[in-house]
Amino acid sequence: MEIASLVLSAMSTLAAVVSAIAAIGAKNEVKNLKNSINGNGNTQVSGDVSVSNSGNNRGVISGVNSGEINM
């Protein structure tokens, strides 16, 4: 009976170690996916913007533009 208890204890310990290793791997994978989805927190944006206007600009514009304007 003692041998069976020892074998079951060893199997339980081995299962706990394998489970811990799998959990650490899953945690690291989720961390990498989260960084891929949310970015790395760098909010610095740079670039060039060119604005030109050669039209007749009279009138009133009211409202919020939430899309692209093609002229």
Protein backbone atom coordinates (compact mmCIF):
# COMPACT_ATOMS: atom_id res chain seq x y z
CA MET A 1 0.00 0.00 0.00
CA GLU A 2 2.89 2.34 0.74
CA ILE A 3 4.33 1.79 -2.75
CA ALA A 4 1.00 2.70 -4.36
CA SER A 5 0.82 5.85 -2.25
CA LEU A 6 4.37 6.76 -3.22
CA VAL A 7 3.65 6.20 -6.93
CA LEU A 8 0.48 8.30 -6.75
CA SER A 9 2.36 11.05 -4.91
CA ALA A 10 5.11 11.07 -7.55
CA MET A 11 2.55 11.18 -10.37
CA SER A 12 0.74 14.05 -8.66
CA THR A 13 3.98 15.99 -8.25
CA LEU A 14 4.90 15.41 -11.89
CA ALA A 15 1.44 16.56 -13.02
CA ALA A 16 1.79 19.73 -10.93
CA VAL A 17 5.18 20.52 -12.47
CA VAL A 18 3.91 19.96 -16.02
CA SER A 19 0.85 22.11 -15.28
CA ALA A 20 3.01 24.93 -13.91
CA ILE A 21 5.27 24.86 -16.98
CA ALA A 22 2.23 24.95 -19.29
CA ALA A 23 0.71 27.85 -17.31
CA ILE A 24 3.92 29.89 -17.54
CA GLY A 25 4.09 29.29 -21.30
CA ALA A 26 0.44 30.30 -21.73
CA LYS A 27 0.97 33.45 -19.64
CA ASN A 28 3.89 34.52 -21.80
CA GLU A 29 1.92 33.84 -24.98
CA VAL A 30 -1.03 35.92 -23.73
CA LYS A 31 1.36 38.72 -22.79
CA ASN A 32 2.82 38.73 -26.32
CA LEU A 33 -0.65 38.69 -27.89
CA LYS A 34 -1.77 41.56 -25.66
CA ASN A 35 1.24 43.62 -26.72
CA SER A 36 0.51 42.83 -30.37
CA ILE A 37 -3.12 43.88 -30.05
CA ASN A 38 -2.72 46.95 -27.83
CA GLY A 39 0.69 48.08 -28.99
CA ASN A 40 3.63 48.66 -26.74
CA GLY A 41 2.31 51.89 -25.19
CA ASN A 42 4.31 54.21 -27.42
CA THR A 43 1.92 57.02 -28.35
CA GLN A 44 4.37 59.16 -30.27
CA VAL A 45 3.08 59.78 -33.77
CA SER A 46 5.14 61.45 -36.46
CA GLY A 47 4.69 62.20 -40.12
CA ASP A 48 4.14 64.92 -42.70
CA VAL A 49 0.83 66.60 -43.46
CA SER A 50 0.33 68.68 -46.58
CA VAL A 51 -2.75 70.93 -46.74
CA SER A 52 -3.57 73.13 -49.70
CA ASN A 53 -6.63 75.14 -50.69
CA SER A 54 -7.35 76.90 -53.94
CA GLY A 55 -11.16 77.08 -53.86
CA ASN A 56 -13.90 79.59 -53.09
CA ASN A 57 -14.39 79.46 -49.35
CA ARG A 58 -17.67 81.06 -48.36
CA GLY A 59 -20.39 79.70 -46.13
CA VAL A 60 -20.85 77.99 -42.82
CA ILE A 61 -19.80 74.47 -41.95
CA SER A 62 -21.59 72.95 -38.99
CA GLY A 63 -21.32 69.53 -37.46
CA VAL A 64 -18.68 66.93 -36.85
CA ASN A 65 -16.71 65.32 -39.65
CA SER A 66 -16.12 61.70 -38.85
CA GLY A 67 -15.10 60.47 -42.27
CA GLU A 68 -13.05 61.23 -45.31
CA ILE A 69 -13.77 64.18 -47.58
CA ASN A 70 -12.90 63.70 -51.25
CA MET A 71 -12.86 66.72 -53.54
